[in-house]
Amino acid sequence: QVQLVESGGGLVQAGGSLRLSCTTPGRTLSNYIMGWFRQAPGGEREFVASISRAGTVTTYADSVKARFTISRDNAMNTAYLELNNLKPEDTAEYYCAARTGVTGEIDRTATSYSYWGQGTRVTVSS
């Protein structure tokens, strides 16, 4: 079992920034493809970003492209999601997810991921 622990959420004004972190205590992060997903109140879980095991390949949802950046520090067993130019519609619970995969692989599909964090809340006020 892989435990994922998110942090970094909070309340921010529109146009502001946050950085979310996802750690894997006791596990080697480099073994896993990482993804970030979000779920707005009353909405379905949606893909945000994914990053390959070595961090060389990334992909983003169109709604966040050029505003959000996914990265990882495998030496620190931590993945990040930097959120810039936040909009009220970015308000959601944000989840990190992990699954094993091959070099260079990324994944936009929530059902493909084996492990999930508990979520961290991001609220953007207008």
C-alpha atoms as a PDB file:
ATOM      1  CA  GLN A   1       0.000   0.000   0.000  1.00  0.00           C
ATOM      2  CA  VAL A   2       1.317   3.426  -0.981  1.00  0.00           C
ATOM      3  CA  GLN A   3       0.378   6.315   1.262  1.00  0.00           C
ATOM      4  CA  LEU A   4       0.086   9.734  -0.371  1.00  0.00           C
ATOM      5  CA  VAL A   5      -0.057  12.845   1.772  1.00  0.00           C
ATOM      6  CA  GLU A   6      -1.111  16.161   0.233  1.00  0.00           C
ATOM      7  CA  SER A   7      -0.612  19.627   1.662  1.00  0.00           C
ATOM      8  CA  GLY A   8      -0.610  23.233   0.575  1.00  0.00           C
ATOM      9  CA  GLY A   9      -4.252  23.992  -0.034  1.00  0.00           C
ATOM     10  CA  GLY A  10      -5.967  27.073   1.307  1.00  0.00           C
ATOM     11  CA  LEU A  11      -8.000  30.174   0.610  1.00  0.00           C
ATOM     12  CA  VAL A  12      -6.636  32.589  -1.966  1.00  0.00           C
ATOM     13  CA  GLN A  13      -7.961  35.516  -3.950  1.00  0.00           C
ATOM     14  CA  ALA A  14      -8.433  35.314  -7.682  1.00  0.00           C
ATOM     15  CA  GLY A  15      -5.128  35.867  -9.437  1.00  0.00           C
ATOM     16  CA  GLY A  16      -3.197  34.397  -6.534  1.00  0.00           C
ATOM     17  CA  SER A  17      -0.976  31.347  -6.327  1.00  0.00           C
ATOM     18  CA  LEU A  18      -0.566  28.189  -4.296  1.00  0.00           C
ATOM     19  CA  ARG A  19       1.793  25.239  -4.354  1.00  0.00           C
ATOM     20  CA  LEU A  20       0.441  21.822  -3.509  1.00  0.00           C
ATOM     21  CA  SER A  21       2.732  19.037  -2.355  1.00  0.00           C
ATOM     22  CA  CYS A  22       2.276  15.279  -2.352  1.00  0.00           C
ATOM     23  CA  THR A  23       4.681  13.080  -0.419  1.00  0.00           C
ATOM     24  CA  THR A  24       5.056   9.313  -0.289  1.00  0.00           C
ATOM     25  CA  PRO A  25       6.441   8.450   3.146  1.00  0.00           C
ATOM     26  CA  GLY A  26       8.617   5.401   3.049  1.00  0.00           C
ATOM     27  CA  ARG A  27       8.227   4.853  -0.686  1.00  0.00           C
ATOM     28  CA  THR A  28      10.452   5.597  -3.665  1.00  0.00           C
ATOM     29  CA  LEU A  29       8.527   8.129  -5.711  1.00  0.00           C
ATOM     30  CA  SER A  30      10.519   7.455  -8.866  1.00  0.00           C
ATOM     31  CA  ASN A  31       8.704   4.139  -9.268  1.00  0.00           C
ATOM     32  CA  TYR A  32       5.395   5.894  -9.907  1.00  0.00           C
ATOM     33  CA  ILE A  33       3.619   7.981 -12.498  1.00  0.00           C
ATOM     34  CA  MET A  34       1.985  10.861 -10.626  1.00  0.00           C
ATOM     35  CA  GLY A  35      -1.239  12.652 -11.362  1.00  0.00           C
ATOM     36  CA  TRP A  36      -3.267  15.482  -9.908  1.00  0.00           C
ATOM     37  CA  PHE A  37      -7.041  15.517 -10.088  1.00  0.00           C
ATOM     38  CA  ARG A  38      -9.688  17.796  -8.627  1.00  0.00           C
ATOM     39  CA  GLN A  39     -13.314  17.630  -7.654  1.00  0.00           C
ATOM     40  CA  ALA A  40     -15.448  20.708  -7.265  1.00  0.00           C
ATOM     41  CA  PRO A  41     -18.428  20.712  -4.898  1.00  0.00           C
ATOM     42  CA  GLY A  42     -21.198  18.785  -6.592  1.00  0.00           C
ATOM     43  CA  GLY A  43     -18.968  17.916  -9.519  1.00  0.00           C
ATOM     44  CA  GLU A  44     -17.111  14.908 -10.825  1.00  0.00           C
ATOM     45  CA  ARG A  45     -13.430  14.229 -10.349  1.00  0.00           C
ATOM     46  CA  GLU A  46     -11.479  15.665 -13.271  1.00  0.00           C
ATOM     47  CA  PHE A  47      -7.939  15.369 -14.533  1.00  0.00           C
ATOM     48  CA  VAL A  48      -5.560  18.265 -13.909  1.00  0.00           C
ATOM     49  CA  ALA A  49      -2.006  17.139 -14.708  1.00  0.00           C
ATOM     50  CA  SER A  50       0.261  14.121 -14.901  1.00  0.00           C
ATOM     51  CA  ILE A  51       4.024  13.643 -14.868  1.00  0.00           C
ATOM     52  CA  SER A  52       6.212  10.720 -15.846  1.00  0.00           C
ATOM     53  CA  ARG A  53       8.432   8.843 -13.436  1.00  0.00           C
ATOM     54  CA  ALA A  54      11.552  10.873 -14.206  1.00  0.00           C
ATOM     55  CA  GLY A  55       9.660  14.120 -14.685  1.00  0.00           C
ATOM     56  CA  THR A  56      10.569  14.431 -18.347  1.00  0.00           C
ATOM     57  CA  VAL A  57       7.031  14.215 -19.735  1.00  0.00           C
ATOM     58  CA  THR A  58       4.004  16.170 -18.546  1.00  0.00           C
ATOM     59  CA  THR A  59       0.442  16.716 -19.685  1.00  0.00           C
ATOM     60  CA  TYR A  60      -2.264  19.129 -18.555  1.00  0.00           C
ATOM     61  CA  ALA A  61      -5.976  19.668 -18.833  1.00  0.00           C
ATOM     62  CA  ASP A  62      -6.744  22.494 -21.244  1.00  0.00           C
ATOM     63  CA  SER A  63      -8.413  24.461 -18.454  1.00  0.00           C
ATOM     64  CA  VAL A  64      -5.181  24.754 -16.470  1.00  0.00           C
ATOM     65  CA  LYS A  65      -2.527  24.750 -19.185  1.00  0.00           C
ATOM     66  CA  ALA A  66      -0.137  27.722 -18.888  1.00  0.00           C
ATOM     67  CA  ARG A  67      -1.380  28.426 -15.348  1.00  0.00           C
ATOM     68  CA  PHE A  68      -0.509  25.241 -13.458  1.00  0.00           C
ATOM     69  CA  THR A  69       2.827  23.410 -13.382  1.00  0.00           C
ATOM     70  CA  ILE A  70       3.378  19.838 -12.259  1.00  0.00           C
ATOM     71  CA  SER A  71       6.829  18.789 -11.102  1.00  0.00           C
ATOM     72  CA  ARG A  72       8.521  16.255  -8.907  1.00  0.00           C
ATOM     73  CA  ASP A  73      11.613  15.835  -6.764  1.00  0.00           C
ATOM     74  CA  ASN A  74      12.263  12.123  -6.588  1.00  0.00           C
ATOM     75  CA  ALA A  75      15.103  12.584  -4.128  1.00  0.00           C
ATOM     76  CA  MET A  76      12.592  14.148  -1.742  1.00  0.00           C
ATOM     77  CA  ASN A  77       9.816  11.681  -2.646  1.00  0.00           C
ATOM     78  CA  THR A  78       7.564  14.645  -3.359  1.00  0.00           C
ATOM     79  CA  ALA A  79       5.423  15.765  -6.271  1.00  0.00           C
ATOM     80  CA  TYR A  80       4.192  19.315  -6.671  1.00  0.00           C
ATOM     81  CA  LEU A  81       1.438  21.218  -8.392  1.00  0.00           C
ATOM     82  CA  GLU A  82       2.017  24.948  -8.689  1.00  0.00           C
ATOM     83  CA  LEU A  83      -1.196  26.877  -9.237  1.00  0.00           C
ATOM     84  CA  ASN A  84      -0.869  30.382 -10.668  1.00  0.00           C
ATOM     85  CA  ASN A  85      -3.396  32.977 -11.779  1.00  0.00           C
ATOM     86  CA  LEU A  86      -6.083  31.144  -9.866  1.00  0.00           C
ATOM     87  CA  LYS A  87      -9.718  31.596 -10.819  1.00  0.00           C
ATOM     88  CA  PRO A  88     -12.878  30.997  -8.774  1.00  0.00           C
ATOM     89  CA  GLU A  89     -13.630  28.014 -11.014  1.00  0.00           C
ATOM     90  CA  ASP A  90     -10.433  26.368  -9.749  1.00  0.00           C
ATOM     91  CA  THR A  91     -12.105  25.939  -6.347  1.00  0.00           C
ATOM     92  CA  ALA A  92     -12.066  22.214  -5.597  1.00  0.00           C
ATOM     93  CA  GLU A  93     -10.623  19.413  -3.539  1.00  0.00           C
ATOM     94  CA  TYR A  94      -7.304  18.506  -5.139  1.00  0.00           C
ATOM     95  CA  TYR A  95      -6.026  14.931  -5.041  1.00  0.00           C
ATOM     96  CA  CYS A  96      -2.688  13.433  -5.965  1.00  0.00           C
ATOM     97  CA  ALA A  97      -2.576   9.921  -7.332  1.00  0.00           C
ATOM     98  CA  ALA A  98       0.094   7.376  -8.186  1.00  0.00           C
ATOM     99  CA  ARG A  99       0.508   4.228 -10.197  1.00  0.00           C
ATOM    100  CA  THR A 100       3.384   2.182 -11.493  1.00  0.00           C
ATOM    101  CA  GLY A 101       4.332   2.625 -15.125  1.00  0.00           C
ATOM    102  CA  VAL A 102       7.087   2.595 -17.694  1.00  0.00           C
ATOM    103  CA  THR A 103       9.626   5.299 -18.449  1.00  0.00           C
ATOM    104  CA  GLY A 104       8.062   8.315 -20.147  1.00  0.00           C
ATOM    105  CA  GLU A 105       4.496   7.226 -19.495  1.00  0.00           C
ATOM    106  CA  ILE A 106       1.835   9.677 -18.314  1.00  0.00           C
ATOM    107  CA  ASP A 107      -1.829   9.081 -17.598  1.00  0.00           C
ATOM    108  CA  ARG A 108      -4.923  11.310 -17.707  1.00  0.00           C
ATOM    109  CA  THR A 109      -7.376   8.630 -16.562  1.00  0.00           C
ATOM    110  CA  ALA A 110      -8.412   8.567 -12.922  1.00  0.00           C
ATOM    111  CA  THR A 111      -9.440   4.934 -12.956  1.00  0.00           C
ATOM    112  CA  SER A 112      -5.915   3.905 -13.960  1.00  0.00           C
ATOM    113  CA  TYR A 113      -4.399   5.109 -10.701  1.00  0.00           C
ATOM    114  CA  SER A 114      -3.969   2.688  -7.828  1.00  0.00           C
ATOM    115  CA  TYR A 115      -3.187   5.033  -4.977  1.00  0.00           C
ATOM    116  CA  TRP A 116      -4.821   8.282  -3.864  1.00  0.00           C
ATOM    117  CA  GLY A 117      -4.225  10.929  -1.260  1.00  0.00           C
ATOM    118  CA  GLN A 118      -6.856  12.294   1.068  1.00  0.00           C
ATOM    119  CA  GLY A 119      -7.183  15.591  -0.772  1.00  0.00           C
ATOM    120  CA  THR A 120      -6.391  19.211  -0.005  1.00  0.00           C
ATOM    121  CA  ARG A 121      -8.944  21.983  -0.395  1.00  0.00           C
ATOM    122  CA  VAL A 122      -8.313  24.984  -2.644  1.00  0.00           C
ATOM    123  CA  THR A 123     -10.768  27.864  -2.417  1.00  0.00           C
ATOM    124  CA  VAL A 124     -10.460  30.856  -4.724  1.00  0.00           C
ATOM    125  CA  SER A 125     -12.461  33.947  -3.881  1.00  0.00           C
ATOM    126  CA  SER A 126     -13.475  36.492  -6.493  1.00  0.00           C
END
